[in-house]
Every structure is written in C-alpha cells, then in structure tokens.
N, C-alpha and C. Protein backbone atom coordinates (compact mmCIF):
# COMPACT_ATOMS: atom_id res chain seq x y z
N MET A 1 105.27 130.25 42.83
CA MET A 1 105.32 128.89 42.38
C MET A 1 105.07 128.86 40.88
N THR A 2 105.69 127.92 40.29
CA THR A 2 105.54 127.82 38.84
C THR A 2 104.69 126.61 38.49
N ASP A 3 104.22 126.62 37.27
CA ASP A 3 103.42 125.49 36.80
C ASP A 3 104.27 124.44 36.10
N ASP A 4 105.56 124.72 35.96
CA ASP A 4 106.45 123.79 35.29
C ASP A 4 106.90 122.73 36.30
N PHE A 5 106.61 121.47 35.99
CA PHE A 5 106.94 120.40 36.93
C PHE A 5 108.41 120.03 36.92
N ASP A 6 109.15 120.47 35.94
CA ASP A 6 110.56 120.14 35.88
C ASP A 6 111.40 121.07 36.73
N GLU A 7 110.87 122.21 37.09
CA GLU A 7 111.64 123.16 37.89
C GLU A 7 111.49 122.83 39.38
N PRO A 8 112.54 123.03 40.17
CA PRO A 8 112.45 122.75 41.60
C PRO A 8 111.50 123.73 42.29
N LEU A 9 110.89 123.29 43.36
CA LEU A 9 110.01 124.13 44.15
C LEU A 9 110.83 125.10 44.98
N GLU A 10 110.17 126.14 45.46
CA GLU A 10 110.88 127.09 46.30
C GLU A 10 111.33 126.38 47.58
N GLY A 11 112.54 126.61 47.98
CA GLY A 11 113.07 125.98 49.18
C GLY A 11 113.77 124.67 48.91
N ASP A 12 113.63 124.11 47.72
CA ASP A 12 114.33 122.87 47.40
C ASP A 12 115.82 123.17 47.29
N ILE A 13 116.63 122.27 47.77
CA ILE A 13 118.07 122.47 47.69
C ILE A 13 118.72 121.45 46.78
N GLY A 14 117.95 120.65 46.18
CA GLY A 14 118.52 119.70 45.23
C GLY A 14 118.08 118.29 45.54
N PRO A 15 118.59 117.36 44.78
CA PRO A 15 118.19 115.97 44.98
C PRO A 15 118.73 115.45 46.32
N ALA A 16 118.03 114.48 46.84
CA ALA A 16 118.46 113.88 48.10
C ALA A 16 119.74 113.11 47.90
N ALA A 17 120.57 113.12 48.91
CA ALA A 17 121.83 112.38 48.83
C ALA A 17 121.52 110.89 48.89
N PRO A 18 122.27 110.10 48.15
CA PRO A 18 122.02 108.67 48.18
C PRO A 18 122.31 108.11 49.58
N ALA A 19 121.54 107.12 49.96
CA ALA A 19 121.72 106.51 51.28
C ALA A 19 123.06 105.79 51.31
N SER A 20 123.80 106.02 52.36
CA SER A 20 125.09 105.34 52.48
C SER A 20 125.06 104.45 53.70
N ARG A 21 125.82 103.39 53.65
CA ARG A 21 125.89 102.48 54.79
C ARG A 21 126.81 103.08 55.83
N PRO A 22 126.41 102.97 57.09
CA PRO A 22 127.31 103.47 58.12
C PRO A 22 128.53 102.57 58.23
N ALA A 23 129.63 103.18 58.58
CA ALA A 23 130.87 102.41 58.72
C ALA A 23 130.76 101.54 59.96
N PRO A 24 131.35 100.36 59.93
CA PRO A 24 131.32 99.52 61.13
C PRO A 24 132.03 100.24 62.28
N PRO A 25 131.53 100.06 63.51
CA PRO A 25 132.13 100.77 64.63
C PRO A 25 133.57 100.30 64.89
N THR A 26 134.35 101.24 65.31
CA THR A 26 135.73 100.89 65.65
C THR A 26 135.76 100.24 67.02
N ARG A 27 136.92 99.73 67.39
CA ARG A 27 137.04 99.09 68.69
C ARG A 27 136.76 100.07 69.82
N ALA A 28 137.21 101.28 69.68
CA ALA A 28 137.00 102.28 70.72
C ALA A 28 135.51 102.60 70.85
N GLU A 29 134.84 102.73 69.71
CA GLU A 29 133.40 103.00 69.74
C GLU A 29 132.64 101.84 70.35
N ALA A 30 133.02 100.60 70.01
CA ALA A 30 132.36 99.42 70.55
C ALA A 30 132.60 99.32 72.05
N ALA A 31 133.82 99.63 72.51
CA ALA A 31 134.12 99.60 73.94
C ALA A 31 133.33 100.68 74.68
N ALA A 32 133.22 101.85 74.07
CA ALA A 32 132.45 102.93 74.69
C ALA A 32 130.98 102.55 74.79
N ALA A 33 130.45 101.91 73.77
CA ALA A 33 129.05 101.48 73.80
C ALA A 33 128.85 100.40 74.86
N ALA A 34 129.80 99.47 75.01
CA ALA A 34 129.70 98.44 76.03
C ALA A 34 129.78 99.04 77.42
N ASP A 35 130.68 100.02 77.60
CA ASP A 35 130.78 100.70 78.90
C ASP A 35 129.49 101.44 79.23
N ALA A 36 128.91 102.08 78.24
CA ALA A 36 127.65 102.81 78.46
C ALA A 36 126.54 101.84 78.83
N ALA A 37 126.51 100.68 78.17
CA ALA A 37 125.47 99.69 78.47
C ALA A 37 125.67 99.12 79.87
N GLU A 38 126.92 98.86 80.26
CA GLU A 38 127.20 98.35 81.61
C GLU A 38 126.84 99.39 82.67
N GLN A 39 127.14 100.63 82.41
CA GLN A 39 126.79 101.70 83.35
C GLN A 39 125.27 101.81 83.48
N LEU A 40 124.54 101.67 82.39
CA LEU A 40 123.09 101.72 82.43
C LEU A 40 122.52 100.54 83.23
N ARG A 41 123.09 99.34 83.03
CA ARG A 41 122.65 98.18 83.81
C ARG A 41 122.91 98.38 85.29
N ARG A 42 124.08 98.91 85.63
CA ARG A 42 124.41 99.16 87.03
C ARG A 42 123.45 100.19 87.64
N TYR A 43 123.16 101.23 86.88
CA TYR A 43 122.23 102.25 87.35
C TYR A 43 120.84 101.65 87.59
N GLU A 44 120.38 100.79 86.69
CA GLU A 44 119.07 100.16 86.84
C GLU A 44 119.03 99.25 88.07
N LEU A 45 120.12 98.52 88.33
CA LEU A 45 120.17 97.67 89.51
C LEU A 45 120.13 98.49 90.80
N GLU A 46 120.87 99.60 90.82
CA GLU A 46 120.84 100.48 92.00
C GLU A 46 119.45 101.06 92.20
N ARG A 47 118.83 101.46 91.12
CA ARG A 47 117.49 102.03 91.21
C ARG A 47 116.48 101.01 91.72
N GLU A 48 116.60 99.77 91.25
CA GLU A 48 115.71 98.70 91.70
C GLU A 48 115.92 98.43 93.20
N GLU A 49 117.16 98.45 93.65
CA GLU A 49 117.44 98.22 95.08
C GLU A 49 116.86 99.36 95.93
N ARG A 50 116.98 100.59 95.48
CA ARG A 50 116.38 101.71 96.21
C ARG A 50 114.86 101.58 96.26
N ARG A 51 114.26 101.15 95.16
CA ARG A 51 112.81 100.97 95.11
C ARG A 51 112.38 99.88 96.09
N ARG A 52 113.13 98.78 96.16
CA ARG A 52 112.80 97.70 97.09
C ARG A 52 112.89 98.18 98.54
N ARG A 53 113.96 98.92 98.86
CA ARG A 53 114.10 99.42 100.23
C ARG A 53 112.96 100.37 100.58
N THR A 54 112.59 101.25 99.66
CA THR A 54 111.50 102.19 99.91
C THR A 54 110.18 101.45 100.10
N ASN A 55 109.92 100.46 99.26
CA ASN A 55 108.68 99.69 99.40
C ASN A 55 108.65 98.91 100.71
N ALA A 56 109.80 98.37 101.12
CA ALA A 56 109.85 97.63 102.38
C ALA A 56 109.56 98.57 103.56
N PHE A 57 110.14 99.76 103.54
CA PHE A 57 109.90 100.72 104.61
C PHE A 57 108.43 101.15 104.63
N SER A 58 107.87 101.39 103.47
CA SER A 58 106.46 101.78 103.39
C SER A 58 105.56 100.67 103.92
N GLY A 59 105.90 99.44 103.61
CA GLY A 59 105.12 98.31 104.10
C GLY A 59 105.18 98.20 105.62
N ARG A 60 106.37 98.43 106.19
CA ARG A 60 106.49 98.38 107.65
C ARG A 60 105.69 99.50 108.31
N VAL A 61 105.71 100.68 107.73
CA VAL A 61 104.93 101.79 108.28
C VAL A 61 103.44 101.48 108.21
N ALA A 62 102.99 100.96 107.08
CA ALA A 62 101.56 100.62 106.93
C ALA A 62 101.17 99.51 107.91
N LEU A 63 102.02 98.52 108.08
CA LEU A 63 101.74 97.44 109.02
C LEU A 63 101.64 97.96 110.45
N ALA A 64 102.54 98.87 110.81
CA ALA A 64 102.48 99.46 112.15
C ALA A 64 101.21 100.27 112.34
N ALA A 65 100.80 101.02 111.32
CA ALA A 65 99.58 101.82 111.42
C ALA A 65 98.35 100.92 111.58
N VAL A 66 98.30 99.85 110.83
CA VAL A 66 97.17 98.91 110.93
C VAL A 66 97.17 98.25 112.31
N ALA A 67 98.35 97.87 112.81
CA ALA A 67 98.43 97.25 114.14
C ALA A 67 97.96 98.23 115.22
N LEU A 68 98.36 99.49 115.11
CA LEU A 68 97.90 100.49 116.09
C LEU A 68 96.39 100.67 116.03
N LEU A 69 95.86 100.73 114.83
CA LEU A 69 94.42 100.88 114.68
C LEU A 69 93.67 99.67 115.26
N LEU A 70 94.13 98.48 114.95
CA LEU A 70 93.49 97.28 115.49
C LEU A 70 93.61 97.22 117.01
N GLY A 71 94.76 97.62 117.53
CA GLY A 71 94.94 97.66 118.98
C GLY A 71 93.97 98.62 119.64
N PHE A 72 93.83 99.80 119.03
CA PHE A 72 92.88 100.77 119.59
C PHE A 72 91.45 100.26 119.52
N LEU A 73 91.07 99.66 118.40
CA LEU A 73 89.72 99.12 118.27
C LEU A 73 89.46 98.01 119.29
N ALA A 74 90.45 97.15 119.52
CA ALA A 74 90.30 96.08 120.51
C ALA A 74 90.15 96.67 121.91
N TYR A 75 90.99 97.64 122.24
CA TYR A 75 90.93 98.30 123.55
C TYR A 75 89.56 98.96 123.75
N ASP A 76 89.10 99.68 122.74
CA ASP A 76 87.82 100.38 122.85
C ASP A 76 86.67 99.38 122.97
N SER A 77 86.72 98.28 122.23
CA SER A 77 85.67 97.28 122.28
C SER A 77 85.64 96.56 123.63
N VAL A 78 86.80 96.29 124.18
CA VAL A 78 86.86 95.66 125.50
C VAL A 78 86.29 96.61 126.55
N ALA A 79 86.67 97.88 126.47
CA ALA A 79 86.14 98.85 127.43
C ALA A 79 84.62 98.97 127.30
N THR A 80 84.11 98.96 126.08
CA THR A 80 82.67 99.03 125.86
C THR A 80 81.98 97.77 126.38
N ALA A 81 82.59 96.60 126.17
CA ALA A 81 82.00 95.35 126.65
C ALA A 81 81.95 95.33 128.18
N LEU A 82 83.01 95.79 128.83
CA LEU A 82 83.01 95.83 130.30
C LEU A 82 81.96 96.80 130.84
N GLU A 83 81.85 97.92 130.20
CA GLU A 83 80.84 98.90 130.63
C GLU A 83 79.43 98.36 130.41
N ALA A 84 79.19 97.71 129.28
CA ALA A 84 77.87 97.14 128.99
C ALA A 84 77.54 96.02 129.97
N ARG A 85 78.51 95.21 130.33
CA ARG A 85 78.28 94.14 131.29
C ARG A 85 77.93 94.72 132.66
N ARG A 86 78.63 95.77 133.04
CA ARG A 86 78.37 96.40 134.33
C ARG A 86 76.95 96.98 134.37
N ARG A 87 76.47 97.49 133.26
CA ARG A 87 75.11 98.06 133.21
C ARG A 87 74.05 96.98 133.01
N GLY A 88 74.45 95.80 132.62
CA GLY A 88 73.49 94.73 132.39
C GLY A 88 73.01 94.67 130.95
N ASP A 89 73.65 95.37 130.05
CA ASP A 89 73.28 95.34 128.63
C ASP A 89 73.96 94.15 127.94
N ALA A 90 73.61 93.99 126.65
CA ALA A 90 74.24 92.93 125.85
C ALA A 90 75.71 93.32 125.64
N TRP A 91 76.61 92.49 126.10
CA TRP A 91 78.02 92.84 125.99
C TRP A 91 78.81 91.87 125.12
N VAL A 92 78.23 90.70 124.84
CA VAL A 92 78.98 89.73 124.06
C VAL A 92 78.95 90.07 122.58
N TYR A 93 77.70 90.29 122.06
CA TYR A 93 77.66 90.39 120.61
C TYR A 93 78.33 91.63 120.05
N PRO A 94 77.96 92.78 120.08
CA PRO A 94 78.83 93.66 119.30
C PRO A 94 80.21 93.87 119.91
N PRO A 95 80.34 94.29 121.17
CA PRO A 95 81.69 94.70 121.58
C PRO A 95 82.68 93.55 121.77
N ALA A 96 82.28 92.48 122.40
CA ALA A 96 83.23 91.39 122.66
C ALA A 96 83.63 90.68 121.37
N VAL A 97 82.71 90.53 120.44
CA VAL A 97 83.03 89.88 119.17
C VAL A 97 84.00 90.76 118.37
N ILE A 98 83.75 92.05 118.35
CA ILE A 98 84.65 92.96 117.62
C ILE A 98 86.04 92.93 118.24
N ALA A 99 86.11 92.92 119.58
CA ALA A 99 87.42 92.84 120.25
C ALA A 99 88.12 91.53 119.90
N GLY A 100 87.38 90.44 119.87
CA GLY A 100 87.98 89.15 119.50
C GLY A 100 88.50 89.14 118.08
N VAL A 101 87.74 89.70 117.16
CA VAL A 101 88.18 89.75 115.76
C VAL A 101 89.44 90.61 115.63
N CYS A 102 89.46 91.76 116.30
CA CYS A 102 90.64 92.63 116.23
C CYS A 102 91.86 91.94 116.83
N LEU A 103 91.70 91.28 117.98
CA LEU A 103 92.83 90.60 118.61
C LEU A 103 93.30 89.41 117.77
N ALA A 104 92.36 88.68 117.17
CA ALA A 104 92.75 87.57 116.30
C ALA A 104 93.51 88.07 115.07
N THR A 105 93.06 89.18 114.51
CA THR A 105 93.76 89.76 113.36
C THR A 105 95.16 90.22 113.75
N LEU A 106 95.28 90.83 114.93
CA LEU A 106 96.61 91.22 115.42
C LEU A 106 97.51 90.01 115.58
N ALA A 107 96.96 88.92 116.11
CA ALA A 107 97.75 87.70 116.29
C ALA A 107 98.22 87.15 114.95
N VAL A 108 97.33 87.13 113.97
CA VAL A 108 97.70 86.65 112.63
C VAL A 108 98.78 87.53 112.02
N MET A 109 98.63 88.84 112.18
CA MET A 109 99.65 89.76 111.66
C MET A 109 100.99 89.52 112.33
N ALA A 110 100.99 89.29 113.65
CA ALA A 110 102.24 89.04 114.37
C ALA A 110 102.90 87.75 113.89
N VAL A 111 102.11 86.70 113.68
CA VAL A 111 102.67 85.43 113.20
C VAL A 111 103.25 85.60 111.80
N LEU A 112 102.52 86.26 110.92
CA LEU A 112 103.01 86.45 109.55
C LEU A 112 104.27 87.31 109.52
N THR A 113 104.32 88.32 110.38
CA THR A 113 105.51 89.16 110.46
C THR A 113 106.70 88.36 110.97
N GLY A 114 106.47 87.53 111.98
CA GLY A 114 107.55 86.68 112.49
C GLY A 114 108.05 85.70 111.45
N LEU A 115 107.16 85.10 110.69
CA LEU A 115 107.57 84.18 109.63
C LEU A 115 108.35 84.91 108.54
N ALA A 116 107.92 86.11 108.19
CA ALA A 116 108.62 86.87 107.16
C ALA A 116 110.03 87.25 107.62
N ARG A 117 110.16 87.62 108.88
CA ARG A 117 111.49 87.95 109.40
C ARG A 117 112.40 86.73 109.42
N ARG A 118 111.85 85.59 109.82
CA ARG A 118 112.65 84.37 109.84
C ARG A 118 113.10 84.00 108.44
N ARG A 119 112.21 84.19 107.46
CA ARG A 119 112.54 83.88 106.07
C ARG A 119 113.62 84.82 105.55
N ARG A 120 113.58 86.10 105.95
CA ARG A 120 114.58 87.07 105.49
C ARG A 120 115.96 86.79 106.08
N ARG A 121 116.01 86.25 107.28
CA ARG A 121 117.30 85.99 107.93
C ARG A 121 118.06 84.87 107.25
N ARG A 122 117.38 83.94 106.61
CA ARG A 122 118.03 82.81 105.96
C ARG A 122 118.72 83.20 104.72
C-alpha cells in the first residue's frame, strides 16, 4: 500500500460506472411478469386450499379422539357408580357427576358438530 492518496488502492479497477436508468420493460417482459404473478397467485390459492383441507381433517380426528375419550370416561364412571351403589358406598358425587358431565359434553359436541355440518351444506 502506498501513502499517496491519489493513487488507486490495490484491487481497485477504476471509478464506479455512473448509475443508469433501466429501460422500460417491453410488452413481452410485462406479459411474462404478469403471467408469473398470476401463476404465483394460483399457486398460493391451491396451497391455501390444501392447508384448509388438512386443518379440517386434523380437526375431525381430534374431535373423534375427544369423543372417544369422553365416552370411555362416561362408561367407566357409570360402571364405578353402579359398583359403588351395589356396595352401599357414595355413588352420586364423584362417579355419577363425572359421568353426567362427560355425557353432557358429548351431547354439546354432537349438537355443535351437527350445526357445523348443516352450515357447510348451505
């Protein structure tokens, strides 16, 4: 490196080229850009539709799993309540109440599912 400020530094290739304005796009370039934008919009719409279908399927699977779990809990609570009643133990408060809550929740889920299906059919 030199101490002379007027000399170019090592690796310099010269002054920067003046900034030039880009030429306006031709009709072919504009049409190609519009086609690319339309293709991108179409791709995004397809992707959104796939995402909606996947989310709907996941929701149905989760709803079925919750319904099975609530059904099992209700069945087990009813069996426990019957056994406790037969033995003369307290059967209303923990087991019968839990069975009632599970069955009520199942009923609410069934009504909401029916309403959602009716809404989708319209």
